[in-house]
C-alpha atoms as a PDB file:
ATOM      1  CA  MET A   1      54.077 194.082  31.678  1.00  0.00           C
ATOM      2  CA  VAL A   2      51.821 191.734  33.599  1.00  0.00           C
ATOM      3  CA  GLU A   3      54.410 191.428  36.362  1.00  0.00           C
ATOM      4  CA  THR A   4      54.662 195.212  36.637  1.00  0.00           C
ATOM      5  CA  LEU A   5      50.889 195.560  36.779  1.00  0.00           C
ATOM      6  CA  ALA A   6      50.701 192.755  39.341  1.00  0.00           C
ATOM      7  CA  GLN A   7      52.575 194.980  41.772  1.00  0.00           C
ATOM      8  CA  GLY A   8      49.319 196.888  42.148  1.00  0.00           C
ATOM      9  CA  SER A   9      50.097 200.119  40.388  1.00  0.00           C
ATOM     10  CA  THR A  10      48.407 201.566  37.343  1.00  0.00           C
ATOM     11  CA  VAL A  11      50.678 202.444  34.444  1.00  0.00           C
ATOM     12  CA  THR A  12      50.344 204.382  31.209  1.00  0.00           C
ATOM     13  CA  ALA A  13      51.634 203.142  27.863  1.00  0.00           C
ATOM     14  CA  SER A  14      54.150 206.003  27.868  1.00  0.00           C
ATOM     15  CA  ALA A  15      55.510 204.932  31.263  1.00  0.00           C
ATOM     16  CA  PHE A  16      55.876 201.341  30.063  1.00  0.00           C
ATOM     17  CA  ALA A  17      57.656 202.492  26.904  1.00  0.00           C
ATOM     18  CA  ALA A  18      60.118 204.506  28.978  1.00  0.00           C
ATOM     19  CA  ASP A  19      61.087 201.357  30.923  1.00  0.00           C
ATOM     20  CA  LEU A  20      61.123 198.862  28.041  1.00  0.00           C
ATOM     21  CA  PRO A  21      63.359 198.540  24.963  1.00  0.00           C
ATOM     22  CA  ILE A  22      60.345 198.762  22.613  1.00  0.00           C
ATOM     23  CA  SER A  23      58.386 201.629  21.114  1.00  0.00           C
ATOM     24  CA  ARG A  24      55.276 203.181  22.621  1.00  0.00           C
ATOM     25  CA  GLN A  25      53.309 201.813  19.652  1.00  0.00           C
ATOM     26  CA  ALA A  26      54.506 198.286  20.442  1.00  0.00           C
ATOM     27  CA  VAL A  27      53.556 198.776  24.097  1.00  0.00           C
ATOM     28  CA  ALA A  28      50.109 199.985  23.019  1.00  0.00           C
ATOM     29  CA  LYS A  29      49.643 196.859  20.871  1.00  0.00           C
ATOM     30  CA  HIS A  30      50.641 194.587  23.759  1.00  0.00           C
ATOM     31  CA  LEU A  31      48.269 196.403  26.104  1.00  0.00           C
ATOM     32  CA  ALA A  32      45.476 196.130  23.534  1.00  0.00           C
ATOM     33  CA  ALA A  33      46.038 192.365  23.309  1.00  0.00           C
ATOM     34  CA  LEU A  34      46.040 192.055  27.108  1.00  0.00           C
ATOM     35  CA  ARG A  35      42.885 194.152  27.254  1.00  0.00           C
ATOM     36  CA  GLN A  36      41.171 191.995  24.617  1.00  0.00           C
ATOM     37  CA  ALA A  37      42.109 188.898  26.647  1.00  0.00           C
ATOM     38  CA  GLY A  38      40.506 190.505  29.691  1.00  0.00           C
ATOM     39  CA  LEU A  39      43.780 190.677  31.624  1.00  0.00           C
ATOM     40  CA  VAL A  40      44.013 194.454  31.900  1.00  0.00           C
ATOM     41  CA  LYS A  41      41.511 197.236  32.231  1.00  0.00           C
ATOM     42  CA  GLY A  42      42.083 200.803  31.142  1.00  0.00           C
ATOM     43  CA  ARG A  43      40.782 203.964  32.797  1.00  0.00           C
ATOM     44  CA  ARG A  44      41.023 207.371  31.163  1.00  0.00           C
ATOM     45  CA  VAL A  45      42.677 210.031  33.301  1.00  0.00           C
ATOM     46  CA  GLY A  46      42.937 213.251  31.374  1.00  0.00           C
ATOM     47  CA  ARG A  47      44.627 212.559  28.063  1.00  0.00           C
ATOM     48  CA  GLU A  48      46.116 209.224  29.060  1.00  0.00           C
ATOM     49  CA  THR A  49      44.806 205.776  29.823  1.00  0.00           C
ATOM     50  CA  ARG A  50      46.032 204.132  33.007  1.00  0.00           C
ATOM     51  CA  TYR A  51      46.158 200.345  32.862  1.00  0.00           C
ATOM     52  CA  ALA A  52      45.636 197.963  35.775  1.00  0.00           C
ATOM     53  CA  LEU A  53      45.805 194.184  35.988  1.00  0.00           C
ATOM     54  CA  HIS A  54      42.530 192.255  36.001  1.00  0.00           C
ATOM     55  CA  PRO A  55      43.828 188.827  37.143  1.00  0.00           C
ATOM     56  CA  GLU A  56      40.620 186.756  37.224  1.00  0.00           C
ATOM     57  CA  PRO A  57      41.182 185.182  33.765  1.00  0.00           C
ATOM     58  CA  LEU A  58      44.581 183.968  34.975  1.00  0.00           C
ATOM     59  CA  GLY A  59      42.791 181.881  37.607  1.00  0.00           C
ATOM     60  CA  ASP A  60      40.679 180.279  34.896  1.00  0.00           C
ATOM     61  CA  ALA A  61      43.815 179.495  32.881  1.00  0.00           C
ATOM     62  CA  ALA A  62      45.611 178.076  35.928  1.00  0.00           C
ATOM     63  CA  GLY A  63      42.621 175.832  36.670  1.00  0.00           C
ATOM     64  CA  TRP A  64      42.568 174.537  33.101  1.00  0.00           C
ATOM     65  CA  ILE A  65      46.334 173.922  33.142  1.00  0.00           C
ATOM     66  CA  ALA A  66      46.050 171.999  36.431  1.00  0.00           C
ATOM     67  CA  HIS A  67      43.183 169.893  35.038  1.00  0.00           C
ATOM     68  CA  VAL A  68      45.032 169.021  31.829  1.00  0.00           C
ATOM     69  CA  GLY A  69      48.245 168.400  33.778  1.00  0.00           C
ATOM     70  CA  ALA A  70      46.448 165.946  36.067  1.00  0.00           C
ATOM     71  CA  GLU A  71      45.048 164.092  33.051  1.00  0.00           C
ATOM     72  CA  TRP A  72      48.528 163.774  31.552  1.00  0.00           C
ATOM     73  CA  ASP A  73      50.005 162.664  34.878  1.00  0.00           C
ATOM     74  CA  GLU A  74      47.433 159.868  34.965  1.00  0.00           C
ATOM     75  CA  ARG A  75      48.133 158.870  31.358  1.00  0.00           C
ATOM     76  CA  LEU A  76      51.880 158.794  31.989  1.00  0.00           C
ATOM     77  CA  ARG A  77      51.387 156.664  35.137  1.00  0.00           C
ATOM     78  CA  ASP A  78      49.276 154.233  33.073  1.00  0.00           C
ATOM     79  CA  LEU A  79      51.961 154.127  30.377  1.00  0.00           C
ATOM     80  CA  ASP A  80      54.664 153.567  32.977  1.00  0.00           C
ATOM     81  CA  ARG A  81      52.670 150.676  34.500  1.00  0.00           C
ATOM     82  CA  LEU A  82      52.120 149.196  31.030  1.00  0.00           C
ATOM     83  CA  LEU A  83      55.799 149.460  30.095  1.00  0.00           C
ATOM     84  CA  GLY A  84      56.820 148.059  33.473  1.00  0.00           C
ATOM     85  CA  ALA A  85      54.545 145.054  32.959  1.00  0.00           C
ATOM     86  CA  ASP A  86      56.041 144.453  29.496  1.00  0.00           C
ATOM     87  CA  SER A  87      59.627 144.579  30.801  1.00  0.00           C
ATOM     88  CA  ARG A  88      58.821 142.008  33.497  1.00  0.00           C
ATOM     89  CA  ARG A  89      57.659 139.526  30.818  1.00  0.00           C
ATOM     90  CA  ASP A  90      61.011 139.612  28.981  1.00  0.00           C
END
């Protein structure tokens, strides 16, 4: 769903359900979860809601992942140095 929305189009829950092997109700639940997470925004057009991607929270997540990844890279380098020092003593 996110990938489809990332292509720049707005999509209704009915249109998603037509393209996916899940029910319209399941699509609506997924869209509601994405909306609650701030990743999609809905706009009423007539009787339907058209959904569009709101990608800013993904940038926040990517920044956090990079930060945590860098911390673990440093920890693993320290562990590697420590284990390398121990193997040289044997």
